[in-house]
Amino acid sequence: MGRLLLLLLIIAAIVLLWKAFAPQSLGGAPRPQRQQPPMIKGPDDDEDFLWQLEKERFKKRREEERRKEQE
């Protein structure tokens, strides 16, 4: 009985070690996943671009208002 229990424990240890350290597939180690390149945005989708446009428009309007006030 003791030998059977010892044999079962050895088999269980081997199975656990195999699952812990075995390669993921028969082909070897898993290949690293490629990262997706960032999606190319059009200028109307880019928040920074739109913010810069809005700032430029605001500056132009302020400059025009100042010119009109000085005249």
C-alpha atoms as a PDB file:
ATOM      1  CA  MET A   1       0.000   0.000   0.000  1.00  0.00           C
ATOM      2  CA  GLY A   2       2.815   2.394   0.840  1.00  0.00           C
ATOM      3  CA  ARG A   3       4.522   1.768  -2.493  1.00  0.00           C
ATOM      4  CA  LEU A   4       1.309   2.515  -4.393  1.00  0.00           C
ATOM      5  CA  LEU A   5       0.842   5.777  -2.505  1.00  0.00           C
ATOM      6  CA  LEU A   6       4.473   6.737  -3.174  1.00  0.00           C
ATOM      7  CA  LEU A   7       4.051   5.933  -6.877  1.00  0.00           C
ATOM      8  CA  LEU A   8       0.890   8.080  -7.087  1.00  0.00           C
ATOM      9  CA  LEU A   9       2.636  10.993  -5.369  1.00  0.00           C
ATOM     10  CA  ILE A  10       5.586  10.758  -7.765  1.00  0.00           C
ATOM     11  CA  ILE A  11       3.257  10.679 -10.775  1.00  0.00           C
ATOM     12  CA  ALA A  12       1.297  13.664  -9.417  1.00  0.00           C
ATOM     13  CA  ALA A  13       4.543  15.597  -8.869  1.00  0.00           C
ATOM     14  CA  ILE A  14       5.707  14.830 -12.407  1.00  0.00           C
ATOM     15  CA  VAL A  15       2.378  15.955 -13.890  1.00  0.00           C
ATOM     16  CA  LEU A  16       2.415  19.192 -11.888  1.00  0.00           C
ATOM     17  CA  LEU A  17       6.009  19.937 -12.866  1.00  0.00           C
ATOM     18  CA  TRP A  18       5.232  19.212 -16.510  1.00  0.00           C
ATOM     19  CA  LYS A  19       2.249  21.569 -16.491  1.00  0.00           C
ATOM     20  CA  ALA A  20       4.240  24.269 -14.732  1.00  0.00           C
ATOM     21  CA  PHE A  21       7.349  24.214 -16.907  1.00  0.00           C
ATOM     22  CA  ALA A  22       6.369  22.555 -20.203  1.00  0.00           C
ATOM     23  CA  PRO A  23       6.271  24.526 -23.479  1.00  0.00           C
ATOM     24  CA  GLN A  24       2.838  25.817 -24.427  1.00  0.00           C
ATOM     25  CA  SER A  25       2.617  23.787 -27.615  1.00  0.00           C
ATOM     26  CA  LEU A  26       4.503  21.091 -29.458  1.00  0.00           C
ATOM     27  CA  GLY A  27       6.113  23.745 -31.666  1.00  0.00           C
ATOM     28  CA  GLY A  28       8.108  25.178 -28.788  1.00  0.00           C
ATOM     29  CA  ALA A  29       7.817  28.357 -26.808  1.00  0.00           C
ATOM     30  CA  PRO A  30       4.913  30.629 -27.689  1.00  0.00           C
ATOM     31  CA  ARG A  31       5.640  33.443 -30.076  1.00  0.00           C
ATOM     32  CA  PRO A  32       5.300  36.938 -28.670  1.00  0.00           C
ATOM     33  CA  GLN A  33       2.209  38.780 -29.846  1.00  0.00           C
ATOM     34  CA  ARG A  34       2.764  41.663 -32.232  1.00  0.00           C
ATOM     35  CA  GLN A  35       1.529  44.968 -30.991  1.00  0.00           C
ATOM     36  CA  GLN A  36      -1.006  46.591 -33.240  1.00  0.00           C
ATOM     37  CA  PRO A  37       0.325  49.768 -34.835  1.00  0.00           C
ATOM     38  CA  PRO A  38      -1.598  52.815 -33.661  1.00  0.00           C
ATOM     39  CA  MET A  39      -4.573  53.663 -35.818  1.00  0.00           C
ATOM     40  CA  ILE A  40      -3.859  56.499 -38.211  1.00  0.00           C
ATOM     41  CA  LYS A  41      -6.224  59.331 -37.489  1.00  0.00           C
ATOM     42  CA  GLY A  42      -7.386  61.937 -39.897  1.00  0.00           C
ATOM     43  CA  PRO A  43      -6.918  65.556 -38.862  1.00  0.00           C
ATOM     44  CA  ASP A  44     -10.592  65.824 -37.962  1.00  0.00           C
ATOM     45  CA  ASP A  45     -10.211  62.954 -35.456  1.00  0.00           C
ATOM     46  CA  ASP A  46      -7.074  64.251 -33.760  1.00  0.00           C
ATOM     47  CA  GLU A  47      -8.024  66.182 -30.628  1.00  0.00           C
ATOM     48  CA  ASP A  48      -4.650  67.912 -30.336  1.00  0.00           C
ATOM     49  CA  PHE A  49      -4.819  69.123 -33.925  1.00  0.00           C
ATOM     50  CA  LEU A  50      -8.342  70.441 -33.451  1.00  0.00           C
ATOM     51  CA  TRP A  51      -7.310  72.180 -30.224  1.00  0.00           C
ATOM     52  CA  GLN A  52      -4.404  73.882 -31.995  1.00  0.00           C
ATOM     53  CA  LEU A  53      -6.741  75.058 -34.762  1.00  0.00           C
ATOM     54  CA  GLU A  54      -9.146  76.480 -32.215  1.00  0.00           C
ATOM     55  CA  LYS A  55      -6.326  78.315 -30.432  1.00  0.00           C
ATOM     56  CA  GLU A  56      -5.103  79.805 -33.714  1.00  0.00           C
ATOM     57  CA  ARG A  57      -8.626  80.974 -34.617  1.00  0.00           C
ATOM     58  CA  PHE A  58      -9.015  82.543 -31.189  1.00  0.00           C
ATOM     59  CA  LYS A  59      -5.681  84.365 -31.493  1.00  0.00           C
ATOM     60  CA  LYS A  60      -6.617  85.682 -34.951  1.00  0.00           C
ATOM     61  CA  ARG A  61     -10.000  86.915 -33.706  1.00  0.00           C
ATOM     62  CA  ARG A  62      -8.373  88.665 -30.743  1.00  0.00           C
ATOM     63  CA  GLU A  63      -5.802  90.287 -33.003  1.00  0.00           C
ATOM     64  CA  GLU A  64      -8.522  91.518 -35.380  1.00  0.00           C
ATOM     65  CA  GLU A  65     -10.536  92.910 -32.463  1.00  0.00           C
ATOM     66  CA  ARG A  66      -7.479  94.771 -31.173  1.00  0.00           C
ATOM     67  CA  ARG A  67      -6.815  96.244 -34.606  1.00  0.00           C
ATOM     68  CA  LYS A  68     -10.427  97.427 -34.886  1.00  0.00           C
ATOM     69  CA  GLU A  69     -10.283  99.000 -31.421  1.00  0.00           C
ATOM     70  CA  GLN A  70      -7.073 100.858 -32.261  1.00  0.00           C
ATOM     71  CA  GLU A  71      -8.542 102.349 -35.453  1.00  0.00           C
END
